[in-house]
Amino acid sequence: MEHIKNFLEGVKQVLVLDTGSQYILPTRNGFSKDASSLRNDAENIASDLSKVTKNYGEQAYNSASKKY
């Protein structure tokens, strides 16, 4: 029974039935908001990477316990 429900839901989406409640109107300045969000994400990633790589080269484990 669940398979039939899923199938019919897929058919409804393919045929684009009842789009009134699902359609999201695009907002103004959507591209500039996306660009701003992506820029902020890139700055956060760069900041985190610089924090992590700052400690690069420091000993993270006891070399005596390392087995080859």
C-alpha atoms as a PDB file:
ATOM      1  CA  MET A   1       0.000   0.000   0.000  1.00  0.00           C
ATOM      2  CA  GLU A   2       2.861   2.376   0.826  1.00  0.00           C
ATOM      3  CA  HIS A   3       4.371   1.724  -2.607  1.00  0.00           C
ATOM      4  CA  ILE A   4       1.165   2.843  -4.296  1.00  0.00           C
ATOM      5  CA  LYS A   5       1.101   6.053  -2.241  1.00  0.00           C
ATOM      6  CA  ASN A   6       4.725   6.795  -3.144  1.00  0.00           C
ATOM      7  CA  PHE A   7       4.078   6.033  -6.805  1.00  0.00           C
ATOM      8  CA  LEU A   8       1.046   8.329  -6.926  1.00  0.00           C
ATOM      9  CA  GLU A   9       2.973  11.088  -5.131  1.00  0.00           C
ATOM     10  CA  GLY A  10       5.726  10.777  -7.748  1.00  0.00           C
ATOM     11  CA  VAL A  11       3.202  10.901 -10.583  1.00  0.00           C
ATOM     12  CA  LYS A  12       1.647  14.007  -9.036  1.00  0.00           C
ATOM     13  CA  GLN A  13       5.043  15.718  -8.906  1.00  0.00           C
ATOM     14  CA  VAL A  14       5.889  14.752 -12.480  1.00  0.00           C
ATOM     15  CA  LEU A  15       2.560  16.009 -13.769  1.00  0.00           C
ATOM     16  CA  VAL A  16       2.820  19.146 -11.596  1.00  0.00           C
ATOM     17  CA  LEU A  17      -0.617  18.798 -10.062  1.00  0.00           C
ATOM     18  CA  ASP A  18      -1.657  21.022  -7.172  1.00  0.00           C
ATOM     19  CA  THR A  19       1.259  23.455  -7.379  1.00  0.00           C
ATOM     20  CA  GLY A  20      -0.526  26.292  -5.622  1.00  0.00           C
ATOM     21  CA  SER A  21       0.627  25.323  -2.148  1.00  0.00           C
ATOM     22  CA  GLN A  22       4.085  24.084  -3.162  1.00  0.00           C
ATOM     23  CA  TYR A  23       5.307  26.893  -5.396  1.00  0.00           C
ATOM     24  CA  ILE A  24       7.687  29.296  -3.703  1.00  0.00           C
ATOM     25  CA  LEU A  25       7.760  32.767  -5.178  1.00  0.00           C
ATOM     26  CA  PRO A  26      11.269  34.032  -5.894  1.00  0.00           C
ATOM     27  CA  THR A  27      12.335  36.924  -3.726  1.00  0.00           C
ATOM     28  CA  ARG A  28      13.902  40.157  -4.891  1.00  0.00           C
ATOM     29  CA  ASN A  29      17.698  40.302  -4.859  1.00  0.00           C
ATOM     30  CA  GLY A  30      17.868  36.540  -4.577  1.00  0.00           C
ATOM     31  CA  PHE A  31      21.183  36.307  -6.424  1.00  0.00           C
ATOM     32  CA  SER A  32      22.842  38.977  -4.288  1.00  0.00           C
ATOM     33  CA  LYS A  33      21.614  37.260  -1.123  1.00  0.00           C
ATOM     34  CA  ASP A  34      23.005  33.947  -2.390  1.00  0.00           C
ATOM     35  CA  ALA A  35      26.324  35.584  -3.267  1.00  0.00           C
ATOM     36  CA  SER A  36      26.504  37.144   0.185  1.00  0.00           C
ATOM     37  CA  SER A  37      25.749  33.819   1.866  1.00  0.00           C
ATOM     38  CA  LEU A  38      28.346  32.021  -0.244  1.00  0.00           C
ATOM     39  CA  ARG A  39      30.921  34.710   0.542  1.00  0.00           C
ATOM     40  CA  ASN A  40      30.242  34.362   4.270  1.00  0.00           C
ATOM     41  CA  ASP A  41      30.480  30.571   4.020  1.00  0.00           C
ATOM     42  CA  ALA A  42      33.810  30.839   2.193  1.00  0.00           C
ATOM     43  CA  GLU A  43      35.151  33.231   4.848  1.00  0.00           C
ATOM     44  CA  ASN A  44      34.078  30.856   7.629  1.00  0.00           C
ATOM     45  CA  ILE A  45      35.689  27.882   5.897  1.00  0.00           C
ATOM     46  CA  ALA A  46      38.911  29.822   5.300  1.00  0.00           C
ATOM     47  CA  SER A  47      38.967  30.918   8.933  1.00  0.00           C
ATOM     48  CA  ASP A  48      38.456  27.374  10.192  1.00  0.00           C
ATOM     49  CA  LEU A  49      41.110  26.011   7.845  1.00  0.00           C
ATOM     50  CA  SER A  50      43.631  28.602   8.984  1.00  0.00           C
ATOM     51  CA  LYS A  51      42.948  27.695  12.627  1.00  0.00           C
ATOM     52  CA  VAL A  52      43.446  24.003  11.904  1.00  0.00           C
ATOM     53  CA  THR A  53      46.543  24.426   9.767  1.00  0.00           C
ATOM     54  CA  LYS A  54      48.096  26.771  12.315  1.00  0.00           C
ATOM     55  CA  ASN A  55      48.809  23.731  14.483  1.00  0.00           C
ATOM     56  CA  TYR A  56      50.164  21.709  11.550  1.00  0.00           C
ATOM     57  CA  GLY A  57      53.504  20.191  12.352  1.00  0.00           C
ATOM     58  CA  GLU A  58      52.925  19.975  16.077  1.00  0.00           C
ATOM     59  CA  GLN A  59      53.145  16.525  17.586  1.00  0.00           C
ATOM     60  CA  ALA A  60      49.681  15.034  17.861  1.00  0.00           C
ATOM     61  CA  TYR A  61      50.695  11.651  19.259  1.00  0.00           C
ATOM     62  CA  ASN A  62      53.522   9.996  21.119  1.00  0.00           C
ATOM     63  CA  SER A  63      56.056   8.897  18.523  1.00  0.00           C
ATOM     64  CA  ALA A  64      57.205   6.013  20.760  1.00  0.00           C
ATOM     65  CA  SER A  65      53.772   4.403  20.440  1.00  0.00           C
ATOM     66  CA  LYS A  66      53.788   4.660  16.659  1.00  0.00           C
ATOM     67  CA  LYS A  67      54.298   1.290  15.024  1.00  0.00           C
ATOM     68  CA  TYR A  68      55.610   0.901  11.492  1.00  0.00           C
END
